[in-house]
Amino acid sequence: MAGPFDCLLHDGLLLADPVAAAVAAAAGLTWTTLDLGDGTETDTAGVKDASSVLGKTSTLVAANAHGNWDGGVDGYSNLTELLSTFDTSYGSLMLWLTGNIAVTGPSAGAAHIGLMVSPDGVPANGEGYYSDIIINTSNQFRARTTERIGTGTTAAVTLTGTKFDMLMVCSLGASKVEEATGTTWGDSGGRKCSSESTDAGGTWGALWGGLQMGQDGSSPGTVTFSGLQLAWTGLQRPAFG
């Protein structure tokens, strides 16, 4: 099932582009900024360092701890209930994350940041999706694929500049997210777009959205992700005459 904005993404257009922005304006979309201080946090492995600051603009510090959203399903998440029930009035739900491109990576493995959607405030293996960016030990800031929670992300593309943007478009069915499409780009170059539609969660009672963070190295040191801002909007189906 394809969402109304998926064609813009797959044809190489971003909502930041003039044509796509005009389409969004015509659709009357209103973006709501999320306060991460009000989100529901899950952090079983202690990935979020105590020095992190949460709000409408946040700084997240990945701690010297191993935990992420591949098979271990033990990374950090900060989710907000965006839809309490599914119906046929919405065609797509969109999440937008922006922040500063991190310049100093971990001492081992890679640190992760990105968007996440889940049927519950506590993510479970195989249920929901996440889009991912990593910074590695070579200080490369790289966009990766969109995957089902519990599956590792791959195929990184280096982002350049000082800021990044990540957009996730969720195509909604009558009772679940049918597909998630993530697009990430740097303000001076680099772009990655991919989709995933293999969620194993069955019927979703609600839709929770927000961000995720992880570390996949052993004793990786700390990594700082700053200037993080997150917003969401829903695209209603047209009232055809």
Protein backbone atom coordinates (compact mmCIF):
# COMPACT_ATOMS: atom_id res chain seq x y z
CA MET A 1 0.00 0.00 0.00
CA ALA A 2 1.59 3.30 -1.11
CA GLY A 3 1.08 6.57 0.73
CA PRO A 4 0.26 9.79 -1.14
CA PHE A 5 3.78 11.21 -0.71
CA ASP A 6 5.68 8.03 -1.56
CA CYS A 7 5.81 8.95 -5.26
CA LEU A 8 7.55 12.22 -4.36
CA LEU A 9 10.20 10.33 -2.46
CA HIS A 10 10.77 7.60 -5.03
CA ASP A 11 10.94 10.09 -7.89
CA GLY A 12 13.79 11.85 -6.11
CA LEU A 13 11.84 14.78 -4.65
CA LEU A 14 11.92 15.83 -1.02
CA LEU A 15 9.36 17.90 0.86
CA ALA A 16 12.08 20.54 1.12
CA ASP A 17 11.97 20.91 -2.68
CA PRO A 18 9.78 23.75 -4.05
CA VAL A 19 7.36 21.49 -5.94
CA ALA A 20 6.87 19.11 -3.03
CA ALA A 21 6.55 22.03 -0.60
CA ALA A 22 3.79 23.48 -2.77
CA VAL A 23 1.97 20.14 -2.74
CA ALA A 24 2.25 19.99 1.06
CA ALA A 25 0.98 23.56 1.41
CA ALA A 26 -1.96 22.83 -0.87
CA ALA A 27 -2.83 19.82 1.26
CA GLY A 28 -3.05 22.11 4.30
CA LEU A 29 -0.55 20.17 6.39
CA THR A 30 0.22 21.46 9.87
CA TRP A 31 3.32 20.14 11.62
CA THR A 32 3.31 19.60 15.39
CA THR A 33 6.66 19.81 17.19
CA LEU A 34 7.20 17.11 19.81
CA ASP A 35 8.75 17.81 23.22
CA LEU A 36 11.01 14.86 23.96
CA GLY A 37 10.76 15.72 27.64
CA ASP A 38 7.16 14.47 27.47
CA GLY A 39 7.94 11.27 25.53
CA THR A 40 7.87 7.69 26.80
CA GLU A 41 11.45 6.48 27.16
CA THR A 42 12.73 2.91 26.86
CA ASP A 43 16.41 2.33 27.69
CA THR A 44 17.03 -1.18 28.98
CA ALA A 45 20.79 -1.09 28.20
CA GLY A 46 21.41 2.43 29.52
CA VAL A 47 22.26 3.94 26.12
CA LYS A 48 21.14 7.48 27.02
CA ASP A 49 23.81 9.30 29.00
CA ALA A 50 22.71 11.34 32.04
CA SER A 51 24.06 14.51 30.42
CA SER A 52 21.36 14.39 27.70
CA VAL A 53 18.92 17.32 27.58
CA LEU A 54 15.35 16.71 26.36
CA GLY A 55 12.88 19.32 25.09
CA LYS A 56 11.59 20.74 21.82
CA THR A 57 15.26 21.11 20.91
CA SER A 58 17.29 18.26 22.39
CA THR A 59 20.83 17.03 22.86
CA LEU A 60 21.13 13.27 23.15
CA VAL A 61 24.39 11.76 24.34
CA ALA A 62 24.93 8.09 23.55
CA ALA A 63 26.54 6.59 26.64
CA ASN A 64 29.50 4.22 26.89
CA ALA A 65 27.16 1.24 26.58
CA HIS A 66 26.13 -1.31 23.96
CA GLY A 67 22.47 -1.35 22.88
CA ASN A 68 20.61 -0.83 19.60
CA TRP A 69 17.55 -1.89 17.58
CA ASP A 70 18.90 -4.88 15.66
CA GLY A 71 18.41 -8.39 17.05
CA GLY A 72 19.11 -7.26 20.61
CA VAL A 73 16.22 -4.74 20.61
CA ASP A 74 17.82 -2.91 23.53
CA GLY A 75 18.52 0.61 22.24
CA TYR A 76 17.07 3.90 23.49
CA SER A 77 13.68 5.11 22.26
CA ASN A 78 11.58 8.19 23.00
CA LEU A 79 8.04 7.75 21.65
CA THR A 80 4.76 9.67 21.79
CA GLU A 81 1.30 8.30 21.01
CA LEU A 82 0.33 10.08 17.77
CA LEU A 83 -2.81 8.08 16.87
CA SER A 84 -4.83 6.33 19.55
CA THR A 85 -6.72 4.26 16.97
CA PHE A 86 -6.64 3.50 13.27
CA ASP A 87 -9.43 4.51 10.90
CA THR A 88 -9.74 5.25 7.20
CA SER A 89 -9.57 9.06 7.48
CA TYR A 90 -5.75 9.21 7.32
CA GLY A 91 -3.75 7.99 4.34
CA SER A 92 -0.25 8.78 5.65
CA LEU A 93 1.50 9.94 8.79
CA MET A 94 4.85 11.72 8.54
CA LEU A 95 7.69 12.28 11.01
CA TRP A 96 10.50 14.78 10.42
CA LEU A 97 13.76 14.85 12.39
CA THR A 98 16.47 17.48 11.96
CA GLY A 99 19.73 18.01 13.81
CA ASN A 100 23.41 18.79 13.61
CA ILE A 101 25.69 16.41 11.75
CA ALA A 102 27.87 14.86 14.45
CA VAL A 103 31.61 15.16 13.77
CA THR A 104 33.15 12.92 16.45
CA GLY A 105 32.31 9.22 16.38
CA PRO A 106 32.73 6.44 18.94
CA SER A 107 35.96 4.64 19.75
CA ALA A 108 34.39 1.31 18.71
CA GLY A 109 31.55 0.30 16.42
CA ALA A 110 29.02 2.95 15.44
CA ALA A 111 26.54 5.21 17.22
CA HIS A 112 22.99 5.40 15.84
CA ILE A 113 20.23 8.06 15.71
CA GLY A 114 16.97 8.19 13.76
CA LEU A 115 13.18 7.91 13.64
CA MET A 116 10.93 5.11 14.89
CA VAL A 117 7.25 4.10 14.76
CA SER A 118 5.75 1.36 16.89
CA PRO A 119 2.32 -0.02 17.90
CA ASP A 120 3.29 0.57 21.54
CA GLY A 121 5.32 3.00 23.61
CA VAL A 122 7.74 0.17 24.41
CA PRO A 123 9.12 -1.23 21.11
CA ALA A 124 9.08 -4.99 20.56
CA ASN A 125 11.05 -7.26 18.25
CA GLY A 126 9.48 -7.42 14.77
CA GLU A 127 6.83 -4.78 15.49
CA GLY A 128 7.27 -1.35 13.93
CA TYR A 129 9.98 0.36 11.89
CA TYR A 130 13.00 2.62 12.27
CA SER A 131 15.16 4.75 9.98
CA ASP A 132 18.81 5.04 10.89
CA ILE A 133 21.90 7.25 10.72
CA ILE A 134 25.28 6.19 12.07
CA ILE A 135 28.58 7.86 12.90
CA ASN A 136 31.52 5.45 12.86
CA THR A 137 35.04 5.39 14.23
CA SER A 138 36.26 7.21 11.08
CA ASN A 139 33.88 10.09 11.95
CA GLN A 140 31.73 9.42 8.87
CA PHE A 141 28.11 10.50 9.38
CA ARG A 142 26.11 8.07 7.24
CA ALA A 143 22.43 7.50 6.39
CA ARG A 144 21.27 3.89 6.36
CA THR A 145 18.17 1.91 5.45
CA THR A 146 14.67 1.81 6.96
CA GLU A 147 14.05 -1.57 8.59
CA ARG A 148 11.69 -3.53 10.82
CA ILE A 149 12.55 -3.20 14.53
CA GLY A 150 14.84 -6.12 15.34
CA THR A 151 16.61 -6.06 11.96
CA GLY A 152 19.96 -4.34 11.45
CA THR A 153 20.22 -1.43 9.01
CA THR A 154 22.63 -1.46 6.05
CA ALA A 155 23.83 0.35 2.90
CA ALA A 156 25.16 3.58 4.36
CA VAL A 157 25.54 6.82 2.34
CA THR A 158 27.79 9.58 3.73
CA LEU A 159 26.02 12.88 4.54
CA THR A 160 27.91 16.16 4.24
CA GLY A 161 27.38 19.64 5.64
CA THR A 162 26.41 20.82 9.09
CA LYS A 163 22.73 19.76 9.30
CA PHE A 164 20.76 16.63 8.46
CA ASP A 165 17.08 16.01 7.81
CA MET A 166 15.23 12.70 8.04
CA LEU A 167 11.66 12.18 6.84
CA MET A 168 9.64 9.02 7.48
CA VAL A 169 6.38 8.53 5.59
CA CYS A 170 4.09 5.88 7.09
CA SER A 171 1.45 4.47 4.73
CA LEU A 172 -1.56 3.68 6.89
CA GLY A 173 -3.99 0.81 6.44
CA ALA A 174 -7.19 0.23 8.36
CA SER A 175 -5.37 -1.29 11.35
CA LYS A 176 -1.59 -0.82 11.02
CA VAL A 177 1.32 0.89 9.28
CA GLU A 178 1.52 -0.99 5.99
CA GLU A 179 4.85 0.50 4.89
CA ALA A 180 7.44 2.97 6.19
CA THR A 181 9.60 4.97 3.77
CA GLY A 182 12.60 6.85 5.15
CA THR A 183 14.57 9.56 3.34
CA THR A 184 17.65 11.20 4.88
CA TRP A 185 19.87 13.94 3.45
CA GLY A 186 22.65 16.33 4.44
CA ASP A 187 22.44 20.06 3.71
CA SER A 188 25.55 19.86 1.50
CA GLY A 189 25.10 16.41 0.00
CA GLY A 190 24.31 12.74 0.42
CA ARG A 191 20.86 11.13 0.31
CA LYS A 192 19.39 7.76 1.21
CA CYS A 193 15.83 6.54 0.58
CA SER A 194 14.44 3.09 1.38
CA SER A 195 11.18 1.39 2.37
CA GLU A 196 10.18 -1.55 4.55
CA SER A 197 6.83 -3.35 4.80
CA THR A 198 7.46 -6.59 6.71
CA ASP A 199 6.15 -5.66 10.15
CA ALA A 200 5.06 -8.74 12.10
CA GLY A 201 2.92 -6.93 14.64
CA GLY A 202 -0.50 -7.77 13.20
CA THR A 203 -3.17 -5.25 14.16
CA TRP A 204 -1.80 -2.05 15.73
CA GLY A 205 -3.92 -0.72 18.57
CA ALA A 206 -2.27 2.71 18.26
CA LEU A 207 0.61 4.45 16.51
CA TRP A 208 3.55 5.72 18.53
CA GLY A 209 6.31 7.75 16.91
CA GLY A 210 9.55 9.44 17.88
CA LEU A 211 13.26 8.79 17.76
CA GLN A 212 15.74 6.05 18.53
CA MET A 213 19.41 5.97 19.51
CA GLY A 214 21.94 3.18 19.91
CA GLN A 215 25.56 2.07 20.19
CA ASP A 216 26.73 -1.16 18.56
CA GLY A 217 30.33 -1.20 19.82
CA SER A 218 31.82 -2.60 23.00
CA SER A 219 33.09 0.23 25.27
CA PRO A 220 32.44 2.81 22.53
CA GLY A 221 32.79 5.98 24.59
CA THR A 222 30.18 8.73 24.34
CA VAL A 223 28.79 10.39 21.19
CA THR A 224 26.76 13.62 21.13
CA PHE A 225 23.80 14.30 18.82
CA SER A 226 22.78 17.96 19.16
CA GLY A 227 20.19 20.39 17.81
CA LEU A 228 17.59 17.62 17.50
CA GLN A 229 14.05 18.74 16.61
CA LEU A 230 11.15 16.41 15.80
CA ALA A 231 7.72 17.11 14.28
CA TRP A 232 4.85 15.09 12.84
CA THR A 233 1.76 15.54 10.70
CA GLY A 234 -1.02 13.42 9.24
CA LEU A 235 -2.33 13.53 5.68
CA GLN A 236 -6.05 12.89 5.48
CA ARG A 237 -7.65 11.17 2.54
CA PRO A 238 -9.42 13.49 0.06
CA ALA A 239 -13.18 13.94 0.37
CA PHE A 240 -13.90 12.97 -3.21
CA GLY A 241 -17.03 14.52 -4.68
